[in-house]
Amino acid sequence: MPEIKYELAHVGINGQNPEEAKSIASLFSEIFNLQPREGNSSTFAGNAVEVMRTPYLGRNGHIGMYTADCEAAVKDLESRGFEVDMSTAKYRPDGTLNAVYLKQEVGGFALHIVRKP
C-alpha cells in the first residue's frame, strides 16, 4: 500500500452556541487577519479555524487532516490499528467519501480526515 499523506486542514473549537462561535471566530479573524465566514453548522476564521455553533465531537473540539483519498486513508488507518467511525462519514454527490472521524480522541480533540479540495 502506498504511503498516505496527511496535512493539517483546520482546528475545530466547540462553541456553546451561535453567538459564542461567532465571537471566537471573529477574534481569530481579527488577530490573524483571516476572513470570517459562516458554514452550515459552524463559523470559520479563514480556513484555519472552525468554531462549532454547538458542542460536537471531542471534549475540546476536533482537528481536521487533509488527505487526497479518504477511502485509501481509511484503509491505511485501519491497517495500523486505528478505528474509524463510519457513522460520521460525509459523502460527495458522486458517492466518494469526503470526511470521516476516528473513534479515538487525542488530547481532548476528535480527529477527522477530509478530502483535500
N, C-alpha and C. Protein backbone atom coordinates (compact mmCIF):
# COMPACT_ATOMS: atom_id res chain seq x y z
N MET A 1 0.85 -1.18 0.00
CA MET A 1 0.00 0.00 0.00
C MET A 1 0.90 1.24 0.00
N PRO A 2 0.65 2.18 -0.91
CA PRO A 2 1.47 3.40 -0.93
C PRO A 2 1.23 4.23 0.34
N GLU A 3 2.24 5.01 0.71
CA GLU A 3 2.11 5.84 1.90
C GLU A 3 1.07 6.93 1.66
N ILE A 4 0.18 7.07 2.62
CA ILE A 4 -0.87 8.10 2.55
C ILE A 4 -0.32 9.37 3.20
N LYS A 5 -0.50 10.48 2.54
CA LYS A 5 -0.05 11.77 3.05
C LYS A 5 -1.20 12.47 3.76
N TYR A 6 -0.88 13.09 4.89
CA TYR A 6 -1.84 13.87 5.67
C TYR A 6 -1.25 15.25 5.92
N GLU A 7 -2.11 16.27 5.95
CA GLU A 7 -1.66 17.61 6.32
C GLU A 7 -2.80 18.32 7.05
N LEU A 8 -2.44 19.25 7.91
CA LEU A 8 -3.44 19.94 8.71
C LEU A 8 -4.42 20.70 7.82
N ALA A 9 -5.70 20.47 8.05
CA ALA A 9 -6.76 21.19 7.33
C ALA A 9 -7.27 22.36 8.17
N HIS A 10 -7.61 22.08 9.43
CA HIS A 10 -8.13 23.12 10.32
C HIS A 10 -8.19 22.59 11.75
N VAL A 11 -8.34 23.52 12.66
CA VAL A 11 -8.60 23.19 14.06
C VAL A 11 -10.04 23.59 14.34
N GLY A 12 -10.79 22.68 14.95
CA GLY A 12 -12.18 22.95 15.30
C GLY A 12 -12.31 23.18 16.79
N ILE A 13 -13.07 24.18 17.15
CA ILE A 13 -13.30 24.53 18.55
C ILE A 13 -14.80 24.37 18.82
N ASN A 14 -15.14 23.74 19.93
CA ASN A 14 -16.54 23.58 20.28
C ASN A 14 -17.06 24.84 20.96
N GLY A 15 -17.89 25.59 20.26
CA GLY A 15 -18.59 26.71 20.86
C GLY A 15 -19.83 26.20 21.56
N GLN A 16 -20.37 26.99 22.45
CA GLN A 16 -21.56 26.57 23.19
C GLN A 16 -22.86 26.99 22.49
N ASN A 17 -22.77 28.00 21.64
CA ASN A 17 -23.97 28.50 20.95
C ASN A 17 -23.50 29.34 19.76
N PRO A 18 -24.42 29.72 18.87
CA PRO A 18 -24.02 30.50 17.69
C PRO A 18 -23.33 31.83 18.01
N GLU A 19 -23.76 32.50 19.07
CA GLU A 19 -23.16 33.78 19.43
C GLU A 19 -21.70 33.60 19.86
N GLU A 20 -21.46 32.58 20.68
CA GLU A 20 -20.09 32.33 21.12
C GLU A 20 -19.21 31.92 19.93
N ALA A 21 -19.75 31.10 19.04
CA ALA A 21 -18.99 30.67 17.86
C ALA A 21 -18.59 31.88 17.03
N LYS A 22 -19.52 32.78 16.81
CA LYS A 22 -19.21 33.98 16.01
C LYS A 22 -18.17 34.84 16.70
N SER A 23 -18.29 34.98 18.01
CA SER A 23 -17.34 35.78 18.77
C SER A 23 -15.93 35.20 18.71
N ILE A 24 -15.81 33.89 18.89
CA ILE A 24 -14.49 33.24 18.85
C ILE A 24 -13.89 33.35 17.45
N ALA A 25 -14.67 33.05 16.43
CA ALA A 25 -14.18 33.14 15.06
C ALA A 25 -13.79 34.57 14.70
N SER A 26 -14.57 35.53 15.17
CA SER A 26 -14.25 36.94 14.90
C SER A 26 -12.93 37.34 15.53
N LEU A 27 -12.68 36.86 16.74
CA LEU A 27 -11.43 37.19 17.41
C LEU A 27 -10.24 36.58 16.68
N PHE A 28 -10.34 35.32 16.28
CA PHE A 28 -9.27 34.70 15.48
C PHE A 28 -9.06 35.48 14.19
N SER A 29 -10.16 35.87 13.55
CA SER A 29 -10.07 36.63 12.30
C SER A 29 -9.35 37.95 12.51
N GLU A 30 -9.68 38.63 13.60
CA GLU A 30 -9.05 39.92 13.89
C GLU A 30 -7.56 39.76 14.20
N ILE A 31 -7.23 38.79 15.02
CA ILE A 31 -5.83 38.60 15.43
C ILE A 31 -4.95 38.25 14.24
N PHE A 32 -5.42 37.35 13.39
CA PHE A 32 -4.58 36.81 12.32
C PHE A 32 -4.96 37.29 10.92
N ASN A 33 -5.79 38.34 10.84
CA ASN A 33 -6.21 38.87 9.54
C ASN A 33 -6.81 37.80 8.63
N LEU A 34 -7.73 37.03 9.19
CA LEU A 34 -8.41 35.98 8.45
C LEU A 34 -9.81 36.45 8.07
N GLN A 35 -10.33 35.91 7.00
CA GLN A 35 -11.66 36.27 6.53
C GLN A 35 -12.70 35.42 7.26
N PRO A 36 -13.61 36.05 8.02
CA PRO A 36 -14.66 35.26 8.68
C PRO A 36 -15.72 34.82 7.66
N ARG A 37 -16.29 33.65 7.90
CA ARG A 37 -17.38 33.19 7.04
C ARG A 37 -18.25 32.18 7.79
N GLU A 38 -19.48 32.13 7.38
CA GLU A 38 -20.43 31.21 8.00
C GLU A 38 -20.48 29.90 7.22
N GLY A 39 -20.46 28.79 7.93
CA GLY A 39 -20.64 27.48 7.34
C GLY A 39 -22.02 26.94 7.69
N ASN A 40 -22.26 25.68 7.39
CA ASN A 40 -23.57 25.09 7.68
C ASN A 40 -23.85 24.95 9.17
N SER A 41 -22.85 24.49 9.93
CA SER A 41 -23.04 24.27 11.37
C SER A 41 -21.95 24.94 12.20
N SER A 42 -21.19 25.82 11.56
CA SER A 42 -20.05 26.42 12.23
C SER A 42 -19.73 27.79 11.62
N THR A 43 -18.85 28.51 12.30
CA THR A 43 -18.34 29.78 11.82
C THR A 43 -16.84 29.64 11.67
N PHE A 44 -16.28 30.13 10.57
CA PHE A 44 -14.87 29.96 10.27
C PHE A 44 -14.11 31.27 10.40
N ALA A 45 -12.83 31.14 10.74
CA ALA A 45 -11.86 32.23 10.62
C ALA A 45 -10.90 31.76 9.55
N GLY A 46 -11.06 32.29 8.33
CA GLY A 46 -10.30 31.77 7.20
C GLY A 46 -10.64 30.30 7.02
N ASN A 47 -9.64 29.51 6.64
CA ASN A 47 -9.82 28.07 6.55
C ASN A 47 -9.16 27.35 7.72
N ALA A 48 -8.47 28.11 8.58
CA ALA A 48 -7.65 27.52 9.63
C ALA A 48 -8.42 27.16 10.89
N VAL A 49 -9.46 27.93 11.22
CA VAL A 49 -10.17 27.72 12.48
C VAL A 49 -11.66 27.60 12.18
N GLU A 50 -12.25 26.54 12.70
CA GLU A 50 -13.69 26.31 12.58
C GLU A 50 -14.25 26.29 14.00
N VAL A 51 -15.27 27.10 14.25
CA VAL A 51 -15.88 27.12 15.58
C VAL A 51 -17.30 26.58 15.44
N MET A 52 -17.56 25.47 16.10
CA MET A 52 -18.87 24.84 16.05
C MET A 52 -19.88 25.69 16.81
N ARG A 53 -21.10 25.78 16.28
CA ARG A 53 -22.14 26.57 16.92
C ARG A 53 -22.74 25.88 18.14
N THR A 54 -22.58 24.59 18.21
CA THR A 54 -22.96 23.79 19.39
C THR A 54 -21.86 22.75 19.58
N PRO A 55 -21.66 22.30 20.81
CA PRO A 55 -20.60 21.30 21.03
C PRO A 55 -20.81 20.08 20.14
N TYR A 56 -19.70 19.59 19.59
CA TYR A 56 -19.75 18.41 18.73
C TYR A 56 -18.73 17.41 19.25
N LEU A 57 -18.17 16.63 18.40
CA LEU A 57 -17.25 15.58 18.82
C LEU A 57 -15.97 16.17 19.41
N GLY A 58 -15.40 15.46 20.35
CA GLY A 58 -14.17 15.88 21.01
C GLY A 58 -14.46 16.77 22.20
N ARG A 59 -13.84 16.47 23.33
CA ARG A 59 -14.04 17.27 24.53
C ARG A 59 -13.75 18.75 24.27
N ASN A 60 -12.65 19.02 23.54
CA ASN A 60 -12.25 20.40 23.25
C ASN A 60 -12.62 20.84 21.84
N GLY A 61 -12.90 19.90 20.98
CA GLY A 61 -13.18 20.20 19.58
C GLY A 61 -12.58 19.11 18.71
N HIS A 62 -12.13 19.49 17.53
CA HIS A 62 -11.59 18.50 16.61
C HIS A 62 -10.43 19.07 15.80
N ILE A 63 -9.67 18.18 15.24
CA ILE A 63 -8.59 18.55 14.33
C ILE A 63 -8.87 17.84 13.01
N GLY A 64 -8.94 18.61 11.94
CA GLY A 64 -9.17 18.06 10.61
C GLY A 64 -7.85 17.91 9.88
N MET A 65 -7.68 16.77 9.25
CA MET A 65 -6.47 16.49 8.48
C MET A 65 -6.87 16.21 7.03
N TYR A 66 -6.24 16.95 6.10
CA TYR A 66 -6.47 16.71 4.68
C TYR A 66 -5.76 15.45 4.22
N THR A 67 -6.36 14.80 3.25
CA THR A 67 -5.74 13.71 2.54
C THR A 67 -6.34 13.68 1.13
N ALA A 68 -5.60 13.19 0.19
CA ALA A 68 -6.06 13.19 -1.20
C ALA A 68 -7.14 12.14 -1.46
N ASP A 69 -7.13 11.05 -0.70
CA ASP A 69 -8.03 9.93 -0.96
C ASP A 69 -8.53 9.39 0.38
N CYS A 70 -9.75 9.76 0.76
CA CYS A 70 -10.28 9.36 2.06
C CYS A 70 -10.47 7.85 2.17
N GLU A 71 -10.88 7.21 1.09
CA GLU A 71 -11.07 5.76 1.15
C GLU A 71 -9.74 5.06 1.42
N ALA A 72 -8.68 5.48 0.76
CA ALA A 72 -7.36 4.89 0.99
C ALA A 72 -6.87 5.23 2.39
N ALA A 73 -7.18 6.42 2.87
CA ALA A 73 -6.77 6.81 4.22
C ALA A 73 -7.46 5.95 5.27
N VAL A 74 -8.74 5.63 5.07
CA VAL A 74 -9.45 4.75 6.00
C VAL A 74 -8.76 3.39 6.05
N LYS A 75 -8.42 2.84 4.90
CA LYS A 75 -7.71 1.56 4.87
C LYS A 75 -6.37 1.66 5.57
N ASP A 76 -5.65 2.76 5.32
CA ASP A 76 -4.36 2.98 5.97
C ASP A 76 -4.51 3.02 7.48
N LEU A 77 -5.43 3.82 7.96
CA LEU A 77 -5.62 3.97 9.40
C LEU A 77 -6.03 2.64 10.05
N GLU A 78 -6.98 1.96 9.43
CA GLU A 78 -7.43 0.68 9.98
C GLU A 78 -6.33 -0.36 9.96
N SER A 79 -5.49 -0.36 8.92
CA SER A 79 -4.39 -1.34 8.84
C SER A 79 -3.35 -1.11 9.95
N ARG A 80 -3.35 0.12 10.49
CA ARG A 80 -2.41 0.45 11.56
C ARG A 80 -3.07 0.42 12.94
N GLY A 81 -4.31 -0.12 13.01
CA GLY A 81 -4.96 -0.34 14.29
C GLY A 81 -5.85 0.78 14.79
N PHE A 82 -6.10 1.80 13.98
CA PHE A 82 -6.97 2.89 14.39
C PHE A 82 -8.38 2.61 13.90
N GLU A 83 -9.37 2.96 14.72
CA GLU A 83 -10.76 2.73 14.35
C GLU A 83 -11.38 3.99 13.77
N VAL A 84 -12.12 3.81 12.68
CA VAL A 84 -12.81 4.90 12.01
C VAL A 84 -14.30 4.76 12.30
N ASP A 85 -14.95 5.85 12.63
CA ASP A 85 -16.38 5.85 12.95
C ASP A 85 -17.17 6.18 11.69
N MET A 86 -17.54 5.15 10.94
CA MET A 86 -18.22 5.37 9.66
C MET A 86 -19.61 5.98 9.83
N SER A 87 -20.15 6.01 11.07
CA SER A 87 -21.44 6.69 11.27
C SER A 87 -21.30 8.20 11.12
N THR A 88 -20.06 8.71 11.12
CA THR A 88 -19.82 10.15 10.94
C THR A 88 -19.45 10.50 9.50
N ALA A 89 -19.43 9.52 8.62
CA ALA A 89 -18.97 9.72 7.24
C ALA A 89 -19.86 10.71 6.49
N LYS A 90 -19.22 11.57 5.72
CA LYS A 90 -19.90 12.51 4.82
C LYS A 90 -19.41 12.19 3.41
N TYR A 91 -20.35 12.18 2.46
CA TYR A 91 -20.03 11.80 1.09
C TYR A 91 -20.30 12.95 0.13
N ARG A 92 -19.55 12.97 -0.95
CA ARG A 92 -19.78 13.92 -2.04
C ARG A 92 -20.96 13.41 -2.87
N PRO A 93 -21.54 14.28 -3.70
CA PRO A 93 -22.65 13.84 -4.54
C PRO A 93 -22.33 12.62 -5.42
N ASP A 94 -21.05 12.45 -5.79
CA ASP A 94 -20.69 11.31 -6.63
C ASP A 94 -20.48 10.03 -5.82
N GLY A 95 -20.70 10.10 -4.50
CA GLY A 95 -20.60 8.91 -3.66
C GLY A 95 -19.24 8.67 -3.03
N THR A 96 -18.24 9.49 -3.36
CA THR A 96 -16.92 9.30 -2.77
C THR A 96 -16.92 9.87 -1.35
N LEU A 97 -16.16 9.23 -0.49
CA LEU A 97 -16.05 9.66 0.90
C LEU A 97 -15.35 11.01 0.96
N ASN A 98 -15.96 11.97 1.66
CA ASN A 98 -15.40 13.31 1.75
C ASN A 98 -14.79 13.60 3.12
N ALA A 99 -15.34 12.99 4.18
CA ALA A 99 -14.84 13.23 5.53
C ALA A 99 -15.34 12.14 6.46
N VAL A 100 -14.54 11.84 7.48
CA VAL A 100 -14.95 10.86 8.49
C VAL A 100 -14.08 11.04 9.73
N TYR A 101 -14.67 10.80 10.89
CA TYR A 101 -13.96 10.90 12.16
C TYR A 101 -13.38 9.56 12.59
N LEU A 102 -12.30 9.63 13.33
CA LEU A 102 -11.77 8.46 14.01
C LEU A 102 -12.51 8.31 15.33
N LYS A 103 -12.51 7.11 15.88
CA LYS A 103 -13.16 6.88 17.18
C LYS A 103 -12.32 7.42 18.32
N GLN A 104 -11.04 7.48 18.15
CA GLN A 104 -10.10 7.89 19.19
C GLN A 104 -9.99 9.41 19.28
N GLU A 105 -9.94 9.93 20.50
CA GLU A 105 -9.60 11.34 20.74
C GLU A 105 -8.13 11.41 21.12
N VAL A 106 -7.51 12.53 20.81
CA VAL A 106 -6.12 12.78 21.21
C VAL A 106 -6.08 14.13 21.90
N GLY A 107 -5.68 14.14 23.15
CA GLY A 107 -5.60 15.39 23.89
C GLY A 107 -6.92 16.13 23.99
N GLY A 108 -8.01 15.39 24.01
CA GLY A 108 -9.33 16.01 24.09
C GLY A 108 -9.89 16.47 22.76
N PHE A 109 -9.20 16.13 21.67
CA PHE A 109 -9.67 16.51 20.34
C PHE A 109 -10.06 15.28 19.54
N ALA A 110 -11.24 15.34 18.93
CA ALA A 110 -11.61 14.34 17.96
C ALA A 110 -10.75 14.58 16.72
N LEU A 111 -10.54 13.55 15.93
CA LEU A 111 -9.75 13.67 14.70
C LEU A 111 -10.60 13.27 13.52
N HIS A 112 -10.50 14.03 12.45
CA HIS A 112 -11.17 13.59 11.24
C HIS A 112 -10.33 13.87 10.02
N ILE A 113 -10.55 13.03 9.04
CA ILE A 113 -9.87 13.22 7.76
C ILE A 113 -10.86 13.85 6.80
N VAL A 114 -10.32 14.70 5.94
CA VAL A 114 -11.12 15.45 4.97
C VAL A 114 -10.44 15.35 3.62
N ARG A 115 -11.21 15.07 2.58
CA ARG A 115 -10.63 15.04 1.24
C ARG A 115 -10.13 16.42 0.87
N LYS A 116 -8.90 16.50 0.44
CA LYS A 116 -8.29 17.78 0.07
C LYS A 116 -8.97 18.30 -1.20
N PRO A 117 -9.39 19.56 -1.17
CA PRO A 117 -10.06 20.11 -2.37
C PRO A 117 -9.11 20.25 -3.54
